[in-house]
């Protein structure tokens, strides 16, 4: 029997992790499945603190700490393995230090400038 992964692909999430994970929980409940992987395709916005605004290429009206800080600090843990690629609205100071990718929070992995992983 072939094994498979249940994958959800998300476009720009702009730091709205709590809403995304709640939607995944609803999909799991309705379909009776377990989601194995969330793939976020840009504009993840891994903002940890207001200092990250200095490295964020967005107009000031969009500078807002959203949910990622809770995951980065360990207050929350991503309920599903989350892998993301950067977009044009990222804190380049933080992600630039992970050029080859790496864990940014428990269960959340950044792919780096270019990368490949086995799941």
C-alpha atoms as a PDB file:
ATOM      1  CA  UNK A   1       0.000   0.000   0.000  1.00  0.00           C
ATOM      2  CA  UNK A   2       1.403   3.417  -0.969  1.00  0.00           C
ATOM      3  CA  UNK A   3       1.649   6.017   1.735  1.00  0.00           C
ATOM      4  CA  UNK A   4       0.620   9.582   1.103  1.00  0.00           C
ATOM      5  CA  UNK A   5       0.674  12.987   2.726  1.00  0.00           C
ATOM      6  CA  UNK A   6      -2.292  15.251   3.270  1.00  0.00           C
ATOM      7  CA  UNK A   7      -0.950  18.658   2.307  1.00  0.00           C
ATOM      8  CA  UNK A   8      -2.578  22.070   2.485  1.00  0.00           C
ATOM      9  CA  UNK A   9      -1.059  24.823   0.343  1.00  0.00           C
ATOM     10  CA  UNK A  10      -1.561  28.410   1.483  1.00  0.00           C
ATOM     11  CA  UNK A  11      -0.771  31.541  -0.467  1.00  0.00           C
ATOM     12  CA  UNK A  12       0.374  34.657   1.348  1.00  0.00           C
ATOM     13  CA  UNK A  13      -0.497  34.261   5.009  1.00  0.00           C
ATOM     14  CA  UNK A  14       0.702  37.664   6.274  1.00  0.00           C
ATOM     15  CA  UNK A  15       1.195  36.384   9.814  1.00  0.00           C
ATOM     16  CA  UNK A  16      -2.360  35.040  10.233  1.00  0.00           C
ATOM     17  CA  UNK A  17      -1.259  31.668  11.595  1.00  0.00           C
ATOM     18  CA  UNK A  18      -4.035  31.261  14.161  1.00  0.00           C
ATOM     19  CA  UNK A  19      -6.705  31.640  11.456  1.00  0.00           C
ATOM     20  CA  UNK A  20      -4.904  29.252   9.124  1.00  0.00           C
ATOM     21  CA  UNK A  21      -4.481  26.583  11.811  1.00  0.00           C
ATOM     22  CA  UNK A  22      -8.151  26.971  12.802  1.00  0.00           C
ATOM     23  CA  UNK A  23      -9.144  26.413   9.165  1.00  0.00           C
ATOM     24  CA  UNK A  24      -6.971  23.313   9.012  1.00  0.00           C
ATOM     25  CA  UNK A  25      -8.616  21.959  12.180  1.00  0.00           C
ATOM     26  CA  UNK A  26     -12.003  22.492  10.536  1.00  0.00           C
ATOM     27  CA  UNK A  27     -10.886  20.643   7.374  1.00  0.00           C
ATOM     28  CA  UNK A  28      -9.635  17.776   9.533  1.00  0.00           C
ATOM     29  CA  UNK A  29     -12.908  17.652  11.467  1.00  0.00           C
ATOM     30  CA  UNK A  30     -15.158  17.770   8.404  1.00  0.00           C
ATOM     31  CA  UNK A  31     -13.177  15.307   6.318  1.00  0.00           C
ATOM     32  CA  UNK A  32     -12.016  13.008   9.084  1.00  0.00           C
ATOM     33  CA  UNK A  33      -8.373  13.284   8.045  1.00  0.00           C
ATOM     34  CA  UNK A  34      -5.128  14.437   9.615  1.00  0.00           C
ATOM     35  CA  UNK A  35      -3.241  17.128   7.710  1.00  0.00           C
ATOM     36  CA  UNK A  36       0.463  16.272   7.596  1.00  0.00           C
ATOM     37  CA  UNK A  37       1.927  19.424   6.096  1.00  0.00           C
ATOM     38  CA  UNK A  38       1.094  23.086   5.587  1.00  0.00           C
ATOM     39  CA  UNK A  39       3.068  24.693   2.766  1.00  0.00           C
ATOM     40  CA  UNK A  40       3.013  28.516   2.822  1.00  0.00           C
ATOM     41  CA  UNK A  41       4.025  30.088  -0.454  1.00  0.00           C
ATOM     42  CA  UNK A  42       5.348  33.524   0.418  1.00  0.00           C
ATOM     43  CA  UNK A  43       4.659  36.564   2.582  1.00  0.00           C
ATOM     44  CA  UNK A  44       4.767  34.481   5.732  1.00  0.00           C
ATOM     45  CA  UNK A  45       5.707  37.530   7.844  1.00  0.00           C
ATOM     46  CA  UNK A  46       7.759  35.968  10.608  1.00  0.00           C
ATOM     47  CA  UNK A  47       7.808  39.126  12.716  1.00  0.00           C
ATOM     48  CA  UNK A  48       9.125  38.558  16.237  1.00  0.00           C
ATOM     49  CA  UNK A  49       9.159  42.098  17.624  1.00  0.00           C
ATOM     50  CA  UNK A  50       8.646  45.687  16.513  1.00  0.00           C
ATOM     51  CA  UNK A  51      12.385  45.908  15.734  1.00  0.00           C
ATOM     52  CA  UNK A  52      11.691  43.625  12.759  1.00  0.00           C
ATOM     53  CA  UNK A  53       9.709  46.475  11.170  1.00  0.00           C
ATOM     54  CA  UNK A  54      13.013  48.112  10.219  1.00  0.00           C
ATOM     55  CA  UNK A  55      13.750  45.160   7.927  1.00  0.00           C
ATOM     56  CA  UNK A  56      10.215  44.781   6.562  1.00  0.00           C
ATOM     57  CA  UNK A  57       9.472  46.150   3.089  1.00  0.00           C
ATOM     58  CA  UNK A  58       5.851  47.252   3.566  1.00  0.00           C
ATOM     59  CA  UNK A  59       4.166  50.618   4.018  1.00  0.00           C
ATOM     60  CA  UNK A  60       3.896  51.616   7.719  1.00  0.00           C
ATOM     61  CA  UNK A  61       0.125  51.026   7.776  1.00  0.00           C
ATOM     62  CA  UNK A  62       0.767  47.275   7.277  1.00  0.00           C
ATOM     63  CA  UNK A  63       3.359  46.963  10.055  1.00  0.00           C
ATOM     64  CA  UNK A  64       1.634  44.861  12.650  1.00  0.00           C
ATOM     65  CA  UNK A  65       2.806  42.022  14.853  1.00  0.00           C
ATOM     66  CA  UNK A  66       0.468  39.160  14.240  1.00  0.00           C
ATOM     67  CA  UNK A  67       0.514  35.537  15.344  1.00  0.00           C
ATOM     68  CA  UNK A  68       4.065  34.399  14.539  1.00  0.00           C
ATOM     69  CA  UNK A  69       5.506  35.965  17.695  1.00  0.00           C
ATOM     70  CA  UNK A  70       3.502  33.510  19.845  1.00  0.00           C
ATOM     71  CA  UNK A  71       4.947  30.550  17.928  1.00  0.00           C
ATOM     72  CA  UNK A  72       8.500  31.911  17.886  1.00  0.00           C
ATOM     73  CA  UNK A  73       8.451  32.546  21.658  1.00  0.00           C
ATOM     74  CA  UNK A  74       7.137  29.058  22.417  1.00  0.00           C
ATOM     75  CA  UNK A  75       3.815  30.330  23.781  1.00  0.00           C
ATOM     76  CA  UNK A  76       2.163  28.243  21.048  1.00  0.00           C
ATOM     77  CA  UNK A  77       3.293  25.337  18.877  1.00  0.00           C
ATOM     78  CA  UNK A  78       2.215  24.871  15.280  1.00  0.00           C
ATOM     79  CA  UNK A  79      -0.244  21.948  15.277  1.00  0.00           C
ATOM     80  CA  UNK A  80       0.938  20.771  11.854  1.00  0.00           C
ATOM     81  CA  UNK A  81       4.388  20.764  10.259  1.00  0.00           C
ATOM     82  CA  UNK A  82       4.583  24.145   8.528  1.00  0.00           C
ATOM     83  CA  UNK A  83       7.101  24.837   5.767  1.00  0.00           C
ATOM     84  CA  UNK A  84       7.352  28.219   4.092  1.00  0.00           C
ATOM     85  CA  UNK A  85       9.192  30.106   1.409  1.00  0.00           C
ATOM     86  CA  UNK A  86       9.851  33.781   1.839  1.00  0.00           C
ATOM     87  CA  UNK A  87       8.064  36.512  -0.038  1.00  0.00           C
ATOM     88  CA  UNK A  88       8.578  40.208  -0.538  1.00  0.00           C
ATOM     89  CA  UNK A  89       7.023  41.084   2.856  1.00  0.00           C
ATOM     90  CA  UNK A  90       9.468  39.402   5.199  1.00  0.00           C
ATOM     91  CA  UNK A  91      11.711  40.502   8.053  1.00  0.00           C
ATOM     92  CA  UNK A  92      14.939  40.165   6.085  1.00  0.00           C
ATOM     93  CA  UNK A  93      17.058  40.608   9.226  1.00  0.00           C
ATOM     94  CA  UNK A  94      15.709  37.352  10.675  1.00  0.00           C
ATOM     95  CA  UNK A  95      15.335  35.219   7.560  1.00  0.00           C
ATOM     96  CA  UNK A  96      18.583  36.516   6.077  1.00  0.00           C
ATOM     97  CA  UNK A  97      20.403  34.805   8.924  1.00  0.00           C
ATOM     98  CA  UNK A  98      18.918  31.505   7.701  1.00  0.00           C
ATOM     99  CA  UNK A  99      20.168  31.649   4.097  1.00  0.00           C
ATOM    100  CA  UNK A 100      20.151  27.848   3.811  1.00  0.00           C
ATOM    101  CA  UNK A 101      16.897  27.483   5.726  1.00  0.00           C
ATOM    102  CA  UNK A 102      16.147  26.321   9.225  1.00  0.00           C
ATOM    103  CA  UNK A 103      13.648  26.077  12.057  1.00  0.00           C
ATOM    104  CA  UNK A 104      12.148  29.444  12.997  1.00  0.00           C
ATOM    105  CA  UNK A 105       9.833  28.033  15.673  1.00  0.00           C
ATOM    106  CA  UNK A 106       8.800  24.582  16.887  1.00  0.00           C
ATOM    107  CA  UNK A 107       7.262  22.764  13.904  1.00  0.00           C
ATOM    108  CA  UNK A 108       7.789  25.743  11.526  1.00  0.00           C
ATOM    109  CA  UNK A 109      10.577  25.499   8.941  1.00  0.00           C
ATOM    110  CA  UNK A 110      11.885  28.180   6.552  1.00  0.00           C
ATOM    111  CA  UNK A 111      13.190  26.895   3.200  1.00  0.00           C
ATOM    112  CA  UNK A 112      15.910  29.526   2.867  1.00  0.00           C
ATOM    113  CA  UNK A 113      16.984  31.284  -0.315  1.00  0.00           C
ATOM    114  CA  UNK A 114      16.669  27.983  -2.173  1.00  0.00           C
ATOM    115  CA  UNK A 115      16.173  24.584  -0.721  1.00  0.00           C
ATOM    116  CA  UNK A 116      14.851  21.066  -0.843  1.00  0.00           C
ATOM    117  CA  UNK A 117      13.623  18.924   2.024  1.00  0.00           C
ATOM    118  CA  UNK A 118      12.293  15.414   2.497  1.00  0.00           C
ATOM    119  CA  UNK A 119       9.045  15.188   4.429  1.00  0.00           C
END
